[in-house]
């Protein structure tokens, strides 16, 4: 069985990332986030994960 993985590169512009992830939700089995230290320090990764998985 083929596992489909969506690789998301998160930046300061989280809205386009969020919209794409929501639009394609169900078309992939797993999601991998690539983030920078600045994005992590600002907590943007936590916000987008909450929006997607809640």
C-alpha atoms as a PDB file:
ATOM      1  CA  UNK A   1       0.000   0.000   0.000  1.00  0.00           C
ATOM      2  CA  UNK A   2       1.280   3.439  -0.924  1.00  0.00           C
ATOM      3  CA  UNK A   3       1.358   6.045   1.841  1.00  0.00           C
ATOM      4  CA  UNK A   4       0.698   9.599   0.675  1.00  0.00           C
ATOM      5  CA  UNK A   5       2.592  12.233   2.647  1.00  0.00           C
ATOM      6  CA  UNK A   6       2.044  15.986   2.442  1.00  0.00           C
ATOM      7  CA  UNK A   7       5.196  17.954   3.285  1.00  0.00           C
ATOM      8  CA  UNK A   8       4.335  21.481   4.451  1.00  0.00           C
ATOM      9  CA  UNK A   9       6.974  24.193   4.687  1.00  0.00           C
ATOM     10  CA  UNK A  10       5.670  26.685   7.236  1.00  0.00           C
ATOM     11  CA  UNK A  11       6.763  30.295   7.117  1.00  0.00           C
ATOM     12  CA  UNK A  12       5.557  33.641   8.413  1.00  0.00           C
ATOM     13  CA  UNK A  13       2.660  33.387   5.953  1.00  0.00           C
ATOM     14  CA  UNK A  14       0.561  30.690   7.603  1.00  0.00           C
ATOM     15  CA  UNK A  15      -2.770  31.451   5.883  1.00  0.00           C
ATOM     16  CA  UNK A  16      -1.759  30.091   2.432  1.00  0.00           C
ATOM     17  CA  UNK A  17      -0.330  26.989   4.146  1.00  0.00           C
ATOM     18  CA  UNK A  18      -3.515  26.489   6.135  1.00  0.00           C
ATOM     19  CA  UNK A  19      -5.786  26.951   3.117  1.00  0.00           C
ATOM     20  CA  UNK A  20      -3.822  24.472   1.007  1.00  0.00           C
ATOM     21  CA  UNK A  21      -3.716  21.868   3.771  1.00  0.00           C
ATOM     22  CA  UNK A  22      -7.475  22.172   4.400  1.00  0.00           C
ATOM     23  CA  UNK A  23      -8.258  22.108   0.670  1.00  0.00           C
ATOM     24  CA  UNK A  24      -6.307  18.898   0.140  1.00  0.00           C
ATOM     25  CA  UNK A  25      -7.274  17.239   3.431  1.00  0.00           C
ATOM     26  CA  UNK A  26      -8.207  13.614   2.862  1.00  0.00           C
ATOM     27  CA  UNK A  27      -5.870  13.299  -0.120  1.00  0.00           C
ATOM     28  CA  UNK A  28      -2.899  12.337   2.065  1.00  0.00           C
ATOM     29  CA  UNK A  29      -2.268   9.941   4.936  1.00  0.00           C
ATOM     30  CA  UNK A  30       0.369  11.883   6.879  1.00  0.00           C
ATOM     31  CA  UNK A  31       1.548  15.466   7.149  1.00  0.00           C
ATOM     32  CA  UNK A  32       5.132  16.511   7.830  1.00  0.00           C
ATOM     33  CA  UNK A  33       5.836  20.104   8.862  1.00  0.00           C
ATOM     34  CA  UNK A  34       9.162  21.766   8.105  1.00  0.00           C
ATOM     35  CA  UNK A  35       9.619  24.892  10.207  1.00  0.00           C
ATOM     36  CA  UNK A  36      12.338  27.375  11.089  1.00  0.00           C
ATOM     37  CA  UNK A  37      13.379  28.316  14.594  1.00  0.00           C
ATOM     38  CA  UNK A  38      11.694  31.725  14.146  1.00  0.00           C
ATOM     39  CA  UNK A  39       8.360  30.111  13.260  1.00  0.00           C
ATOM     40  CA  UNK A  40       8.629  27.800  16.270  1.00  0.00           C
ATOM     41  CA  UNK A  41       9.560  30.655  18.626  1.00  0.00           C
ATOM     42  CA  UNK A  42       6.552  32.663  17.417  1.00  0.00           C
ATOM     43  CA  UNK A  43       4.282  29.650  17.987  1.00  0.00           C
ATOM     44  CA  UNK A  44       2.950  29.663  14.427  1.00  0.00           C
ATOM     45  CA  UNK A  45       3.424  25.912  14.134  1.00  0.00           C
ATOM     46  CA  UNK A  46       1.186  25.299  17.139  1.00  0.00           C
ATOM     47  CA  UNK A  47      -1.525  27.587  15.775  1.00  0.00           C
ATOM     48  CA  UNK A  48      -1.672  25.941  12.361  1.00  0.00           C
ATOM     49  CA  UNK A  49      -1.654  22.437  13.878  1.00  0.00           C
ATOM     50  CA  UNK A  50      -4.594  23.380  16.118  1.00  0.00           C
ATOM     51  CA  UNK A  51      -6.513  24.837  13.175  1.00  0.00           C
ATOM     52  CA  UNK A  52      -5.963  21.744  11.064  1.00  0.00           C
ATOM     53  CA  UNK A  53      -6.572  19.012  13.608  1.00  0.00           C
ATOM     54  CA  UNK A  54      -9.458  20.487  15.617  1.00  0.00           C
END
